[in-house]
Amino acid sequence: MQGSALQGKTILIVDDERDVREVLKEEILEAVPDCIVNTAESYEEAVKLLASYTYDLAILDLMGVRGFDLLKMAVNRPYPLPVVILTAHMHSPESLRRSIELGARAYLPKDVLGDVVRHLEDIMTYEYGPAWKRILKQLEGHFRKGWGAYWRQPDEAFWREFERKLDSSNE
């Protein structure tokens, strides 16, 4: 892919499912062959890689690898690392909210793996607010399908404030 925002980037994929790691790596390298993609299957392995290498982006599973702990570690570095949360079964609105609160740049259900490169490029191209707005707009149908039409309602104040923050980040 010529002119990709992922060109020349070093990416860490952390997931306890080998097939997910392989599919993600294959999708990325097929689209952008000059990326460097490292993978880890456990929290401990990910911690070692994060300490040993400089990454441009991390893709973290929530379950099986202590994804929230890795998210905190990645965003609290001297040079915060953009983190994408990738989750099976879309997990829950609460885990989306927690991912946002802890500093994730995106929250993607694993059923969008075939389109993951486009989402990753958005994350690397756009600032925090515009990137989140694009992700939420693109995935609203997934969230509604998985969580129901009124999935934001129990946390309405949070979502109103988050959208206000996203709108003000464009100014």
Protein backbone atom coordinates (compact mmCIF):
# COMPACT_ATOMS: atom_id res chain seq x y z
CA MET A 1 0.00 0.00 0.00
CA GLN A 2 1.69 3.13 -1.22
CA GLY A 3 1.62 6.10 1.10
CA SER A 4 0.24 4.17 4.04
CA ALA A 5 0.42 5.77 7.48
CA LEU A 6 1.75 2.38 8.64
CA GLN A 7 4.71 2.47 6.27
CA GLY A 8 7.95 1.80 8.14
CA LYS A 9 6.17 1.50 11.50
CA THR A 10 6.98 -1.03 14.19
CA ILE A 11 3.87 -2.67 15.62
CA LEU A 12 3.35 -4.94 18.61
CA ILE A 13 0.44 -7.40 18.60
CA VAL A 14 -0.46 -9.02 21.92
CA ASP A 15 -3.10 -11.74 21.92
CA ASP A 16 -3.29 -15.14 23.57
CA GLU A 17 -4.87 -16.64 20.43
CA ARG A 18 -2.23 -17.68 17.93
CA ASP A 19 -4.59 -17.56 14.95
CA VAL A 20 -5.57 -13.97 15.75
CA ARG A 21 -1.92 -12.90 16.01
CA GLU A 22 -1.16 -14.59 12.69
CA VAL A 23 -4.17 -13.13 10.85
CA LEU A 24 -3.42 -9.62 12.15
CA LYS A 25 0.24 -9.86 11.22
CA GLU A 26 -0.62 -11.22 7.79
CA GLU A 27 -3.24 -8.49 7.13
CA ILE A 28 -0.79 -5.76 8.10
CA LEU A 29 2.23 -7.13 6.21
CA GLU A 30 0.19 -7.90 3.12
CA ALA A 31 -0.99 -4.28 2.96
CA VAL A 32 2.25 -2.68 4.16
CA PRO A 33 5.22 -5.03 3.64
CA ASP A 34 7.80 -2.67 5.15
CA CYS A 35 6.23 -2.73 8.63
CA ILE A 36 7.95 -4.58 11.42
CA VAL A 37 5.43 -6.63 13.37
CA ASN A 38 6.29 -8.35 16.63
CA THR A 39 3.87 -10.58 18.46
CA ALA A 40 3.44 -11.74 22.03
CA GLU A 41 1.06 -14.33 23.43
CA SER A 42 1.27 -13.38 27.11
CA TYR A 43 1.45 -10.39 29.42
CA GLU A 44 4.98 -11.33 30.49
CA GLU A 45 6.23 -11.63 26.92
CA ALA A 46 4.61 -8.28 26.03
CA VAL A 47 6.25 -6.54 29.00
CA LYS A 48 9.67 -7.79 27.85
CA LEU A 49 9.07 -6.59 24.28
CA LEU A 50 7.80 -3.19 25.45
CA ALA A 51 10.95 -2.81 27.55
CA SER A 52 13.26 -3.92 24.73
CA TYR A 53 11.91 -2.20 21.62
CA THR A 54 10.44 1.11 20.54
CA TYR A 55 7.02 0.67 18.98
CA ASP A 56 4.88 3.04 16.96
CA LEU A 57 1.64 1.21 17.75
CA ALA A 58 0.40 -1.62 19.97
CA ILE A 59 -2.63 -3.82 19.39
CA LEU A 60 -3.78 -5.47 22.60
CA ASP A 61 -6.34 -8.13 23.39
CA LEU A 62 -8.23 -7.56 26.64
CA MET A 63 -8.64 -11.12 27.80
CA GLY A 64 -5.88 -13.60 28.53
CA VAL A 65 -3.04 -11.06 28.37
CA ARG A 66 -4.06 -8.52 31.04
CA GLY A 67 -4.88 -6.01 28.33
CA PHE A 68 -5.86 -3.18 30.67
CA ASP A 69 -2.56 -3.51 32.55
CA LEU A 70 -0.63 -3.43 29.28
CA LEU A 71 -2.69 -0.44 28.13
CA LYS A 72 -1.79 1.50 31.28
CA MET A 73 1.88 0.60 30.84
CA ALA A 74 1.94 1.63 27.16
CA VAL A 75 0.24 5.01 27.60
CA ASN A 76 2.16 5.94 30.75
CA ARG A 77 5.57 5.71 29.12
CA PRO A 78 7.73 8.82 28.67
CA TYR A 79 6.61 8.68 25.01
CA PRO A 80 3.06 7.33 25.13
CA LEU A 81 2.37 4.54 22.69
CA PRO A 82 -0.86 4.62 20.66
CA VAL A 83 -2.83 1.54 21.69
CA VAL A 84 -5.66 -0.25 19.93
CA ILE A 85 -7.80 -2.58 21.99
CA LEU A 86 -8.92 -5.59 19.97
CA THR A 87 -11.57 -7.73 21.59
CA ALA A 88 -13.66 -10.77 20.76
CA HIS A 89 -17.42 -10.57 21.01
CA MET A 90 -17.04 -6.78 21.42
CA HIS A 91 -16.76 -7.41 25.16
CA SER A 92 -18.97 -4.70 26.73
CA PRO A 93 -19.76 -0.99 26.77
CA GLU A 94 -18.02 -0.86 30.16
CA SER A 95 -14.77 -2.20 28.70
CA LEU A 96 -15.01 0.34 25.87
CA ARG A 97 -15.44 3.11 28.44
CA ARG A 98 -12.54 1.82 30.54
CA SER A 99 -10.33 1.61 27.44
CA ILE A 100 -11.10 5.24 26.66
CA GLU A 101 -10.49 6.33 30.26
CA LEU A 102 -7.12 4.55 30.28
CA GLY A 103 -6.00 6.22 27.05
CA ALA A 104 -6.64 3.74 24.22
CA ARG A 105 -6.77 5.25 20.76
CA ALA A 106 -9.35 2.75 19.46
CA TYR A 107 -11.48 -0.21 20.45
CA LEU A 108 -12.06 -2.73 17.68
CA PRO A 109 -14.08 -5.94 17.68
CA LYS A 110 -12.16 -8.89 16.27
CA ASP A 111 -14.78 -9.35 13.56
CA VAL A 112 -13.30 -6.32 11.74
CA LEU A 113 -9.93 -8.04 11.27
CA GLY A 114 -10.39 -8.02 7.49
CA ASP A 115 -10.55 -4.22 7.58
CA VAL A 116 -8.07 -3.65 10.39
CA VAL A 117 -5.43 -1.92 8.28
CA ARG A 118 -7.81 0.93 7.41
CA HIS A 119 -8.62 1.44 11.09
CA LEU A 120 -4.93 1.35 12.05
CA GLU A 121 -4.12 3.91 9.36
CA ASP A 122 -6.83 6.22 10.72
CA ILE A 123 -5.33 5.92 14.19
CA MET A 124 -1.86 6.76 12.91
CA THR A 125 -3.13 9.59 10.64
CA TYR A 126 -5.59 11.48 12.82
CA GLU A 127 -5.21 13.10 16.20
CA TYR A 128 -6.92 11.55 19.20
CA GLY A 129 -10.32 13.23 18.83
CA PRO A 130 -10.80 12.87 15.08
CA ALA A 131 -9.55 9.27 15.18
CA TRP A 132 -12.03 8.32 17.92
CA LYS A 133 -14.86 10.08 16.09
CA ARG A 134 -14.10 8.09 12.93
CA ILE A 135 -13.84 4.79 14.80
CA LEU A 136 -17.09 5.35 16.70
CA LYS A 137 -18.93 6.38 13.53
CA GLN A 138 -17.59 3.42 11.54
CA LEU A 139 -18.34 0.89 14.28
CA GLU A 140 -21.63 2.24 15.64
CA GLY A 141 -23.50 -0.48 13.74
CA HIS A 142 -21.32 -3.19 15.31
CA PHE A 143 -21.89 -1.76 18.78
CA ARG A 144 -25.65 -1.46 18.28
CA LYS A 145 -25.85 -4.99 16.94
CA GLY A 146 -23.87 -6.41 19.84
CA TRP A 147 -25.06 -4.22 22.71
CA GLY A 148 -28.43 -2.93 21.57
CA ALA A 149 -29.64 0.38 20.19
CA TYR A 150 -29.43 2.14 23.55
CA TRP A 151 -26.01 0.89 24.67
CA ARG A 152 -24.84 4.39 25.62
CA GLN A 153 -27.85 5.14 27.81
CA PRO A 154 -26.61 3.68 31.13
CA ASP A 155 -23.50 5.90 30.84
CA GLU A 156 -25.14 8.83 29.10
CA ALA A 157 -23.21 11.49 31.06
CA PHE A 158 -19.87 9.86 30.20
CA TRP A 159 -20.70 9.70 26.48
CA ARG A 160 -21.98 13.27 26.39
CA GLU A 161 -18.74 14.49 28.04
CA PHE A 162 -16.57 12.30 25.79
CA GLU A 163 -18.26 13.64 22.65
CA ARG A 164 -17.84 17.20 23.95
CA LYS A 165 -14.13 16.47 24.48
CA LEU A 166 -13.84 15.02 20.97
CA ASP A 167 -15.58 18.06 19.47
CA SER A 168 -13.33 20.48 21.36
CA SER A 169 -10.20 18.61 20.21
CA ASN A 170 -11.04 19.65 16.63
CA GLU A 171 -10.88 23.35 17.49
